[in-house]
């Protein structure tokens, strides 16, 4: 007896409307799938979605148009998948099931409960720490550069230097950025403003025997001048810059450096073992 493989359409899939009871059952099955998904290696960036969120059919609105083989993906998640298909087709359907969870996750993490769960992971630095030395191991947050799926992979955002970094692990680097979206990290800091770190104005200065390298020093002076102009404009507009705490530290460092240079000059001109003395001129 030979078995036939059903050919699944790539597009023009029928719109599926779930009843309240069907949505509840689906949500319960997705919850089981959620726990299995979170426990898998490479999925550490994701948080577990609450059952209440999954059982509300409103939260699944429109996803049937975003996921290929939507109905088959739901059948796979709900453990009622019985389609006779080859391994390649089953792999595609499993990929659609993971994609479905990712899209629901992007919606969940901007809710109150979702933000709270991601906050706990942020505090434990589950997403990693900023590799920039001057940021002093600031915890990172996952984010997407686009809200459209399959556009770009997830990036890690540092709130101190306000820059983006690639995940260290290749497993994490392959995650779709749309599963976190472009707004999540900004919403998190709006809801929890106390977590916003002071901005980093420290930077590396290339030196040769203690003296600044001319080309790099000239560029850095230009950048510092532009930054000071921007800070002055923000202060005149009575907008907090976030640089206030580091300005005092930089002032102290400059004073210490001036004192060291003055002491070095005294040693050269008139100190013990001086190289040049007035009597020898």
C-alpha atoms as a PDB file:
ATOM      1  CA  UNK A   1       0.000   0.000   0.000  1.00  0.00           C
ATOM      2  CA  UNK A   2       1.589   3.215  -1.132  1.00  0.00           C
ATOM      3  CA  UNK A   3       1.192   6.484   0.737  1.00  0.00           C
ATOM      4  CA  UNK A   4       0.758   9.828  -0.945  1.00  0.00           C
ATOM      5  CA  UNK A   5       2.198  13.114   0.209  1.00  0.00           C
ATOM      6  CA  UNK A   6      -0.145  16.076   0.205  1.00  0.00           C
ATOM      7  CA  UNK A   7       1.190  19.165  -1.521  1.00  0.00           C
ATOM      8  CA  UNK A   8       0.685  22.209   0.671  1.00  0.00           C
ATOM      9  CA  UNK A   9       0.045  25.618  -0.889  1.00  0.00           C
ATOM     10  CA  UNK A  10       2.508  28.414  -0.154  1.00  0.00           C
ATOM     11  CA  UNK A  11      -0.110  31.147  -0.390  1.00  0.00           C
ATOM     12  CA  UNK A  12      -3.839  31.799  -0.663  1.00  0.00           C
ATOM     13  CA  UNK A  13      -4.430  29.941   2.602  1.00  0.00           C
ATOM     14  CA  UNK A  14      -7.960  30.218   3.970  1.00  0.00           C
ATOM     15  CA  UNK A  15      -8.592  32.653   6.785  1.00  0.00           C
ATOM     16  CA  UNK A  16      -9.181  30.714  10.006  1.00  0.00           C
ATOM     17  CA  UNK A  17     -11.459  32.108  12.673  1.00  0.00           C
ATOM     18  CA  UNK A  18     -11.125  30.517  16.107  1.00  0.00           C
ATOM     19  CA  UNK A  19     -14.027  30.211  18.512  1.00  0.00           C
ATOM     20  CA  UNK A  20     -13.523  31.092  22.177  1.00  0.00           C
ATOM     21  CA  UNK A  21     -13.299  27.430  23.169  1.00  0.00           C
ATOM     22  CA  UNK A  22     -10.881  26.626  20.345  1.00  0.00           C
ATOM     23  CA  UNK A  23      -8.709  29.566  21.361  1.00  0.00           C
ATOM     24  CA  UNK A  24      -8.695  28.342  24.979  1.00  0.00           C
ATOM     25  CA  UNK A  25      -7.624  24.834  23.962  1.00  0.00           C
ATOM     26  CA  UNK A  26      -5.015  26.236  21.613  1.00  0.00           C
ATOM     27  CA  UNK A  27      -3.665  28.476  24.354  1.00  0.00           C
ATOM     28  CA  UNK A  28      -3.283  25.566  26.761  1.00  0.00           C
ATOM     29  CA  UNK A  29      -1.387  23.565  24.142  1.00  0.00           C
ATOM     30  CA  UNK A  30       0.784  26.557  23.270  1.00  0.00           C
ATOM     31  CA  UNK A  31       1.623  26.888  26.963  1.00  0.00           C
ATOM     32  CA  UNK A  32       3.002  23.345  26.986  1.00  0.00           C
ATOM     33  CA  UNK A  33       4.907  24.101  23.798  1.00  0.00           C
ATOM     34  CA  UNK A  34       6.141  27.338  25.403  1.00  0.00           C
ATOM     35  CA  UNK A  35       7.809  25.510  28.290  1.00  0.00           C
ATOM     36  CA  UNK A  36       9.487  23.072  25.919  1.00  0.00           C
ATOM     37  CA  UNK A  37      10.590  25.938  23.669  1.00  0.00           C
ATOM     38  CA  UNK A  38      12.113  27.979  26.511  1.00  0.00           C
ATOM     39  CA  UNK A  39      14.050  24.975  27.856  1.00  0.00           C
ATOM     40  CA  UNK A  40      15.734  24.367  24.480  1.00  0.00           C
ATOM     41  CA  UNK A  41      19.305  25.555  23.907  1.00  0.00           C
ATOM     42  CA  UNK A  42      19.513  28.792  21.973  1.00  0.00           C
ATOM     43  CA  UNK A  43      16.181  30.108  23.235  1.00  0.00           C
ATOM     44  CA  UNK A  44      17.490  31.772  26.400  1.00  0.00           C
ATOM     45  CA  UNK A  45      16.476  35.224  25.149  1.00  0.00           C
ATOM     46  CA  UNK A  46      12.781  34.289  25.203  1.00  0.00           C
ATOM     47  CA  UNK A  47      10.499  34.406  28.227  1.00  0.00           C
ATOM     48  CA  UNK A  48       7.615  32.056  28.967  1.00  0.00           C
ATOM     49  CA  UNK A  49       4.237  33.380  27.855  1.00  0.00           C
ATOM     50  CA  UNK A  50       1.396  33.321  30.394  1.00  0.00           C
ATOM     51  CA  UNK A  51      -1.558  30.998  29.882  1.00  0.00           C
ATOM     52  CA  UNK A  52      -4.019  33.909  30.198  1.00  0.00           C
ATOM     53  CA  UNK A  53      -2.358  35.656  27.304  1.00  0.00           C
ATOM     54  CA  UNK A  54      -2.320  32.588  25.098  1.00  0.00           C
ATOM     55  CA  UNK A  55      -5.966  31.706  25.749  1.00  0.00           C
ATOM     56  CA  UNK A  56      -7.167  35.148  24.667  1.00  0.00           C
ATOM     57  CA  UNK A  57      -7.939  34.750  20.962  1.00  0.00           C
ATOM     58  CA  UNK A  58      -7.531  38.506  20.442  1.00  0.00           C
ATOM     59  CA  UNK A  59      -3.780  38.112  20.979  1.00  0.00           C
ATOM     60  CA  UNK A  60      -3.587  35.709  18.011  1.00  0.00           C
ATOM     61  CA  UNK A  61      -5.374  38.064  15.624  1.00  0.00           C
ATOM     62  CA  UNK A  62      -3.758  38.270  12.198  1.00  0.00           C
ATOM     63  CA  UNK A  63      -1.100  35.639  12.798  1.00  0.00           C
ATOM     64  CA  UNK A  64      -2.691  33.254  10.296  1.00  0.00           C
ATOM     65  CA  UNK A  65      -1.535  35.604   7.515  1.00  0.00           C
ATOM     66  CA  UNK A  66       2.013  35.833   8.903  1.00  0.00           C
ATOM     67  CA  UNK A  67       2.808  32.126   9.246  1.00  0.00           C
ATOM     68  CA  UNK A  68       3.114  29.661   6.382  1.00  0.00           C
ATOM     69  CA  UNK A  69       1.047  26.498   6.855  1.00  0.00           C
ATOM     70  CA  UNK A  70      -0.636  28.180   9.827  1.00  0.00           C
ATOM     71  CA  UNK A  71      -3.220  25.442  10.419  1.00  0.00           C
ATOM     72  CA  UNK A  72      -0.635  22.674  10.197  1.00  0.00           C
ATOM     73  CA  UNK A  73       1.644  24.599  12.574  1.00  0.00           C
ATOM     74  CA  UNK A  74      -1.223  24.828  15.068  1.00  0.00           C
ATOM     75  CA  UNK A  75      -1.880  21.106  14.680  1.00  0.00           C
ATOM     76  CA  UNK A  76       1.768  20.401  15.416  1.00  0.00           C
ATOM     77  CA  UNK A  77       1.744  22.613  18.497  1.00  0.00           C
ATOM     78  CA  UNK A  78      -1.497  21.046  19.757  1.00  0.00           C
ATOM     79  CA  UNK A  79      -0.225  17.494  19.184  1.00  0.00           C
ATOM     80  CA  UNK A  80      -2.939  16.602  16.680  1.00  0.00           C
ATOM     81  CA  UNK A  81      -0.690  16.747  13.633  1.00  0.00           C
ATOM     82  CA  UNK A  82      -1.308  13.590  11.574  1.00  0.00           C
ATOM     83  CA  UNK A  83      -0.480  14.680   8.038  1.00  0.00           C
ATOM     84  CA  UNK A  84       1.364  12.024   6.032  1.00  0.00           C
ATOM     85  CA  UNK A  85       4.319  14.029   4.737  1.00  0.00           C
ATOM     86  CA  UNK A  86       8.021  13.615   4.182  1.00  0.00           C
ATOM     87  CA  UNK A  87      10.746  14.815   6.517  1.00  0.00           C
ATOM     88  CA  UNK A  88      11.417  17.995   4.544  1.00  0.00           C
ATOM     89  CA  UNK A  89       7.787  19.085   4.742  1.00  0.00           C
ATOM     90  CA  UNK A  90       7.591  18.291   8.439  1.00  0.00           C
ATOM     91  CA  UNK A  91      10.715  20.357   9.037  1.00  0.00           C
ATOM     92  CA  UNK A  92       9.068  23.328   7.312  1.00  0.00           C
ATOM     93  CA  UNK A  93       5.963  22.955   9.458  1.00  0.00           C
ATOM     94  CA  UNK A  94       8.063  22.748  12.638  1.00  0.00           C
ATOM     95  CA  UNK A  95       9.833  25.920  11.553  1.00  0.00           C
ATOM     96  CA  UNK A  96       6.435  27.588  11.125  1.00  0.00           C
ATOM     97  CA  UNK A  97       5.469  26.509  14.657  1.00  0.00           C
ATOM     98  CA  UNK A  98       8.619  28.169  16.059  1.00  0.00           C
ATOM     99  CA  UNK A  99       7.883  31.253  13.980  1.00  0.00           C
ATOM    100  CA  UNK A 100       4.360  31.379  15.402  1.00  0.00           C
ATOM    101  CA  UNK A 101       5.697  31.358  18.967  1.00  0.00           C
ATOM    102  CA  UNK A 102       8.189  34.102  18.128  1.00  0.00           C
ATOM    103  CA  UNK A 103       5.477  36.401  16.747  1.00  0.00           C
ATOM    104  CA  UNK A 104       3.305  35.872  19.822  1.00  0.00           C
ATOM    105  CA  UNK A 105       6.363  36.531  21.999  1.00  0.00           C
ATOM    106  CA  UNK A 106       6.951  39.920  20.320  1.00  0.00           C
ATOM    107  CA  UNK A 107       3.434  40.961  21.318  1.00  0.00           C
ATOM    108  CA  UNK A 108       3.668  39.564  24.833  1.00  0.00           C
ATOM    109  CA  UNK A 109       6.897  41.258  25.977  1.00  0.00           C
ATOM    110  CA  UNK A 110       5.407  44.754  25.623  1.00  0.00           C
ATOM    111  CA  UNK A 111       2.610  43.907  28.071  1.00  0.00           C
ATOM    112  CA  UNK A 112       2.920  44.539  31.807  1.00  0.00           C
ATOM    113  CA  UNK A 113       3.569  40.882  32.636  1.00  0.00           C
ATOM    114  CA  UNK A 114       5.926  40.432  29.721  1.00  0.00           C
ATOM    115  CA  UNK A 115       7.972  43.491  30.688  1.00  0.00           C
ATOM    116  CA  UNK A 116       8.259  42.214  34.250  1.00  0.00           C
ATOM    117  CA  UNK A 117       9.595  38.850  33.079  1.00  0.00           C
ATOM    118  CA  UNK A 118      12.096  40.403  30.699  1.00  0.00           C
ATOM    119  CA  UNK A 119      13.141  42.801  33.469  1.00  0.00           C
ATOM    120  CA  UNK A 120      14.145  39.875  35.675  1.00  0.00           C
ATOM    121  CA  UNK A 121      16.242  38.416  32.884  1.00  0.00           C
ATOM    122  CA  UNK A 122      17.802  41.863  32.293  1.00  0.00           C
ATOM    123  CA  UNK A 123      18.754  42.216  35.961  1.00  0.00           C
ATOM    124  CA  UNK A 124      20.443  38.807  35.881  1.00  0.00           C
ATOM    125  CA  UNK A 125      22.258  39.777  32.652  1.00  0.00           C
ATOM    126  CA  UNK A 126      20.790  36.755  30.863  1.00  0.00           C
ATOM    127  CA  UNK A 127      21.180  38.627  27.573  1.00  0.00           C
ATOM    128  CA  UNK A 128      24.860  39.321  28.162  1.00  0.00           C
ATOM    129  CA  UNK A 129      26.915  42.366  29.100  1.00  0.00           C
ATOM    130  CA  UNK A 130      28.247  45.167  26.946  1.00  0.00           C
ATOM    131  CA  UNK A 131      31.674  44.238  25.510  1.00  0.00           C
ATOM    132  CA  UNK A 132      32.755  47.894  25.553  1.00  0.00           C
ATOM    133  CA  UNK A 133      35.249  48.373  28.395  1.00  0.00           C
ATOM    134  CA  UNK A 134      34.064  51.900  29.236  1.00  0.00           C
ATOM    135  CA  UNK A 135      30.488  50.650  29.815  1.00  0.00           C
ATOM    136  CA  UNK A 136      31.641  48.616  32.838  1.00  0.00           C
ATOM    137  CA  UNK A 137      29.660  45.417  32.072  1.00  0.00           C
ATOM    138  CA  UNK A 138      26.311  47.143  31.501  1.00  0.00           C
ATOM    139  CA  UNK A 139      23.569  44.469  30.946  1.00  0.00           C
ATOM    140  CA  UNK A 140      22.197  44.289  27.412  1.00  0.00           C
ATOM    141  CA  UNK A 141      18.686  43.952  25.991  1.00  0.00           C
ATOM    142  CA  UNK A 142      17.615  42.070  22.843  1.00  0.00           C
ATOM    143  CA  UNK A 143      15.961  44.123  20.129  1.00  0.00           C
ATOM    144  CA  UNK A 144      15.086  44.006  16.463  1.00  0.00           C
ATOM    145  CA  UNK A 145      16.021  46.555  13.844  1.00  0.00           C
ATOM    146  CA  UNK A 146      12.782  45.813  11.996  1.00  0.00           C
ATOM    147  CA  UNK A 147       9.296  44.672  12.988  1.00  0.00           C
ATOM    148  CA  UNK A 148       8.889  42.717   9.758  1.00  0.00           C
ATOM    149  CA  UNK A 149       9.921  39.043  10.120  1.00  0.00           C
ATOM    150  CA  UNK A 150      12.867  37.606   8.177  1.00  0.00           C
ATOM    151  CA  UNK A 151      14.445  41.027   7.697  1.00  0.00           C
ATOM    152  CA  UNK A 152      17.354  41.063  10.154  1.00  0.00           C
ATOM    153  CA  UNK A 153      18.569  38.987  13.136  1.00  0.00           C
ATOM    154  CA  UNK A 154      18.334  40.043  16.773  1.00  0.00           C
ATOM    155  CA  UNK A 155      20.813  42.602  18.127  1.00  0.00           C
ATOM    156  CA  UNK A 156      21.803  43.511  21.685  1.00  0.00           C
ATOM    157  CA  UNK A 157      21.285  47.080  22.881  1.00  0.00           C
ATOM    158  CA  UNK A 158      23.412  48.819  25.512  1.00  0.00           C
ATOM    159  CA  UNK A 159      21.608  51.638  27.293  1.00  0.00           C
ATOM    160  CA  UNK A 160      24.875  53.203  28.493  1.00  0.00           C
ATOM    161  CA  UNK A 161      26.681  53.726  25.190  1.00  0.00           C
ATOM    162  CA  UNK A 162      23.434  53.478  23.168  1.00  0.00           C
ATOM    163  CA  UNK A 163      25.006  51.178  20.610  1.00  0.00           C
ATOM    164  CA  UNK A 164      24.140  47.762  19.146  1.00  0.00           C
ATOM    165  CA  UNK A 165      26.143  44.545  19.291  1.00  0.00           C
ATOM    166  CA  UNK A 166      25.914  41.087  17.764  1.00  0.00           C
ATOM    167  CA  UNK A 167      25.236  38.144  20.089  1.00  0.00           C
ATOM    168  CA  UNK A 168      28.309  36.077  20.898  1.00  0.00           C
ATOM    169  CA  UNK A 169      26.611  32.728  20.326  1.00  0.00           C
ATOM    170  CA  UNK A 170      25.756  31.652  16.798  1.00  0.00           C
ATOM    171  CA  UNK A 171      22.569  30.095  18.163  1.00  0.00           C
ATOM    172  CA  UNK A 172      21.395  33.496  19.373  1.00  0.00           C
ATOM    173  CA  UNK A 173      22.667  35.332  16.298  1.00  0.00           C
ATOM    174  CA  UNK A 174      20.255  33.355  14.108  1.00  0.00           C
ATOM    175  CA  UNK A 175      17.127  34.494  16.019  1.00  0.00           C
ATOM    176  CA  UNK A 176      14.793  36.778  14.070  1.00  0.00           C
ATOM    177  CA  UNK A 177      14.860  40.334  15.407  1.00  0.00           C
ATOM    178  CA  UNK A 178      11.104  40.644  14.819  1.00  0.00           C
ATOM    179  CA  UNK A 179      10.552  38.268  17.764  1.00  0.00           C
ATOM    180  CA  UNK A 180      11.538  41.216  20.023  1.00  0.00           C
ATOM    181  CA  UNK A 181      10.612  44.183  17.857  1.00  0.00           C
ATOM    182  CA  UNK A 182      11.949  47.709  17.625  1.00  0.00           C
ATOM    183  CA  UNK A 183      10.008  49.145  20.590  1.00  0.00           C
ATOM    184  CA  UNK A 184      10.479  46.678  23.446  1.00  0.00           C
ATOM    185  CA  UNK A 185      13.742  48.067  24.880  1.00  0.00           C
ATOM    186  CA  UNK A 186      12.461  51.656  24.766  1.00  0.00           C
ATOM    187  CA  UNK A 187       9.153  50.732  26.424  1.00  0.00           C
ATOM    188  CA  UNK A 188      11.022  48.873  29.177  1.00  0.00           C
ATOM    189  CA  UNK A 189      13.011  51.973  30.149  1.00  0.00           C
ATOM    190  CA  UNK A 190       9.905  54.168  29.960  1.00  0.00           C
ATOM    191  CA  UNK A 191       8.092  51.879  32.388  1.00  0.00           C
ATOM    192  CA  UNK A 192      11.183  51.484  34.618  1.00  0.00           C
ATOM    193  CA  UNK A 193      13.047  54.831  34.284  1.00  0.00           C
ATOM    194  CA  UNK A 194      15.168  54.126  37.376  1.00  0.00           C
ATOM    195  CA  UNK A 195      17.034  51.499  35.350  1.00  0.00           C
ATOM    196  CA  UNK A 196      18.325  54.007  32.813  1.00  0.00           C
ATOM    197  CA  UNK A 197      22.112  54.171  33.384  1.00  0.00           C
ATOM    198  CA  UNK A 198      24.155  57.353  33.202  1.00  0.00           C
ATOM    199  CA  UNK A 199      25.450  57.888  29.673  1.00  0.00           C
ATOM    200  CA  UNK A 200      29.050  57.037  28.964  1.00  0.00           C
ATOM    201  CA  UNK A 201      31.251  59.900  27.756  1.00  0.00           C
ATOM    202  CA  UNK A 202      34.525  58.097  28.443  1.00  0.00           C
ATOM    203  CA  UNK A 203      36.506  56.988  25.426  1.00  0.00           C
ATOM    204  CA  UNK A 204      39.860  55.486  24.640  1.00  0.00           C
ATOM    205  CA  UNK A 205      42.614  57.958  23.702  1.00  0.00           C
ATOM    206  CA  UNK A 206      45.528  56.521  21.699  1.00  0.00           C
ATOM    207  CA  UNK A 207      48.888  57.639  23.153  1.00  0.00           C
ATOM    208  CA  UNK A 208      52.588  57.143  22.413  1.00  0.00           C
ATOM    209  CA  UNK A 209      54.793  57.393  25.511  1.00  0.00           C
ATOM    210  CA  UNK A 210      51.999  59.291  27.240  1.00  0.00           C
ATOM    211  CA  UNK A 211      51.393  61.781  24.435  1.00  0.00           C
ATOM    212  CA  UNK A 212      48.222  61.775  22.355  1.00  0.00           C
ATOM    213  CA  UNK A 213      48.526  60.603  18.756  1.00  0.00           C
ATOM    214  CA  UNK A 214      48.047  63.740  16.645  1.00  0.00           C
ATOM    215  CA  UNK A 215      45.501  62.580  14.013  1.00  0.00           C
ATOM    216  CA  UNK A 216      43.361  60.686  16.490  1.00  0.00           C
ATOM    217  CA  UNK A 217      43.649  63.511  19.028  1.00  0.00           C
ATOM    218  CA  UNK A 218      42.484  66.065  16.463  1.00  0.00           C
ATOM    219  CA  UNK A 219      39.469  63.936  15.564  1.00  0.00           C
ATOM    220  CA  UNK A 220      38.670  63.402  19.213  1.00  0.00           C
ATOM    221  CA  UNK A 221      38.854  67.139  19.932  1.00  0.00           C
ATOM    222  CA  UNK A 222      36.406  67.757  17.089  1.00  0.00           C
ATOM    223  CA  UNK A 223      34.028  65.100  18.419  1.00  0.00           C
ATOM    224  CA  UNK A 224      34.277  66.482  21.948  1.00  0.00           C
ATOM    225  CA  UNK A 225      33.514  69.984  20.685  1.00  0.00           C
ATOM    226  CA  UNK A 226      30.406  68.788  18.854  1.00  0.00           C
ATOM    227  CA  UNK A 227      29.300  66.878  21.958  1.00  0.00           C
ATOM    228  CA  UNK A 228      29.779  69.908  24.197  1.00  0.00           C
ATOM    229  CA  UNK A 229      27.716  72.036  21.795  1.00  0.00           C
ATOM    230  CA  UNK A 230      24.901  69.497  21.907  1.00  0.00           C
ATOM    231  CA  UNK A 231      25.021  69.267  25.712  1.00  0.00           C
ATOM    232  CA  UNK A 232      24.890  73.071  25.994  1.00  0.00           C
ATOM    233  CA  UNK A 233      21.836  73.180  23.713  1.00  0.00           C
ATOM    234  CA  UNK A 234      20.093  70.517  25.802  1.00  0.00           C
ATOM    235  CA  UNK A 235      20.912  72.375  29.035  1.00  0.00           C
ATOM    236  CA  UNK A 236      19.523  75.617  27.645  1.00  0.00           C
ATOM    237  CA  UNK A 237      16.359  73.715  26.721  1.00  0.00           C
ATOM    238  CA  UNK A 238      16.312  72.307  30.305  1.00  0.00           C
ATOM    239  CA  UNK A 239      16.602  68.721  29.084  1.00  0.00           C
ATOM    240  CA  UNK A 240      18.534  66.202  31.188  1.00  0.00           C
ATOM    241  CA  UNK A 241      21.584  65.000  29.250  1.00  0.00           C
ATOM    242  CA  UNK A 242      22.547  61.994  31.372  1.00  0.00           C
ATOM    243  CA  UNK A 243      26.210  63.115  31.335  1.00  0.00           C
ATOM    244  CA  UNK A 244      26.120  65.137  34.571  1.00  0.00           C
ATOM    245  CA  UNK A 245      27.688  62.458  36.782  1.00  0.00           C
ATOM    246  CA  UNK A 246      30.605  61.862  34.427  1.00  0.00           C
ATOM    247  CA  UNK A 247      31.307  65.554  33.885  1.00  0.00           C
ATOM    248  CA  UNK A 248      32.436  65.872  37.512  1.00  0.00           C
ATOM    249  CA  UNK A 249      34.693  62.822  37.166  1.00  0.00           C
ATOM    250  CA  UNK A 250      36.266  64.179  33.988  1.00  0.00           C
ATOM    251  CA  UNK A 251      36.927  67.526  35.701  1.00  0.00           C
ATOM    252  CA  UNK A 252      38.724  65.779  38.563  1.00  0.00           C
ATOM    253  CA  UNK A 253      40.792  63.713  36.114  1.00  0.00           C
ATOM    254  CA  UNK A 254      41.811  66.847  34.198  1.00  0.00           C
ATOM    255  CA  UNK A 255      42.875  68.591  37.420  1.00  0.00           C
ATOM    256  CA  UNK A 256      44.964  65.570  38.454  1.00  0.00           C
ATOM    257  CA  UNK A 257      46.599  65.455  35.028  1.00  0.00           C
ATOM    258  CA  UNK A 258      47.427  69.178  35.190  1.00  0.00           C
ATOM    259  CA  UNK A 259      49.021  68.730  38.608  1.00  0.00           C
ATOM    260  CA  UNK A 260      51.136  65.833  37.324  1.00  0.00           C
ATOM    261  CA  UNK A 261      52.345  67.863  34.362  1.00  0.00           C
ATOM    262  CA  UNK A 262      53.219  70.829  36.613  1.00  0.00           C
ATOM    263  CA  UNK A 263      55.188  68.554  38.919  1.00  0.00           C
ATOM    264  CA  UNK A 264      57.054  67.061  35.953  1.00  0.00           C
ATOM    265  CA  UNK A 265      57.920  70.555  34.706  1.00  0.00           C
ATOM    266  CA  UNK A 266      59.283  71.574  38.103  1.00  0.00           C
ATOM    267  CA  UNK A 267      61.536  68.517  38.182  1.00  0.00           C
ATOM    268  CA  UNK A 268      62.916  69.249  34.731  1.00  0.00           C
ATOM    269  CA  UNK A 269      63.523  72.989  35.233  1.00  0.00           C
ATOM    270  CA  UNK A 270      64.563  73.321  38.821  1.00  0.00           C
ATOM    271  CA  UNK A 271      64.255  70.114  40.751  1.00  0.00           C
ATOM    272  CA  UNK A 272      66.914  67.762  42.053  1.00  0.00           C
ATOM    273  CA  UNK A 273      68.985  66.404  39.178  1.00  0.00           C
ATOM    274  CA  UNK A 274      67.647  69.071  36.826  1.00  0.00           C
ATOM    275  CA  UNK A 275      68.674  68.800  33.180  1.00  0.00           C
ATOM    276  CA  UNK A 276      68.675  72.595  32.640  1.00  0.00           C
ATOM    277  CA  UNK A 277      69.545  75.186  35.306  1.00  0.00           C
ATOM    278  CA  UNK A 278      69.765  78.947  34.959  1.00  0.00           C
ATOM    279  CA  UNK A 279      73.487  78.836  35.719  1.00  0.00           C
ATOM    280  CA  UNK A 280      74.195  76.636  32.709  1.00  0.00           C
ATOM    281  CA  UNK A 281      72.377  78.760  30.101  1.00  0.00           C
END
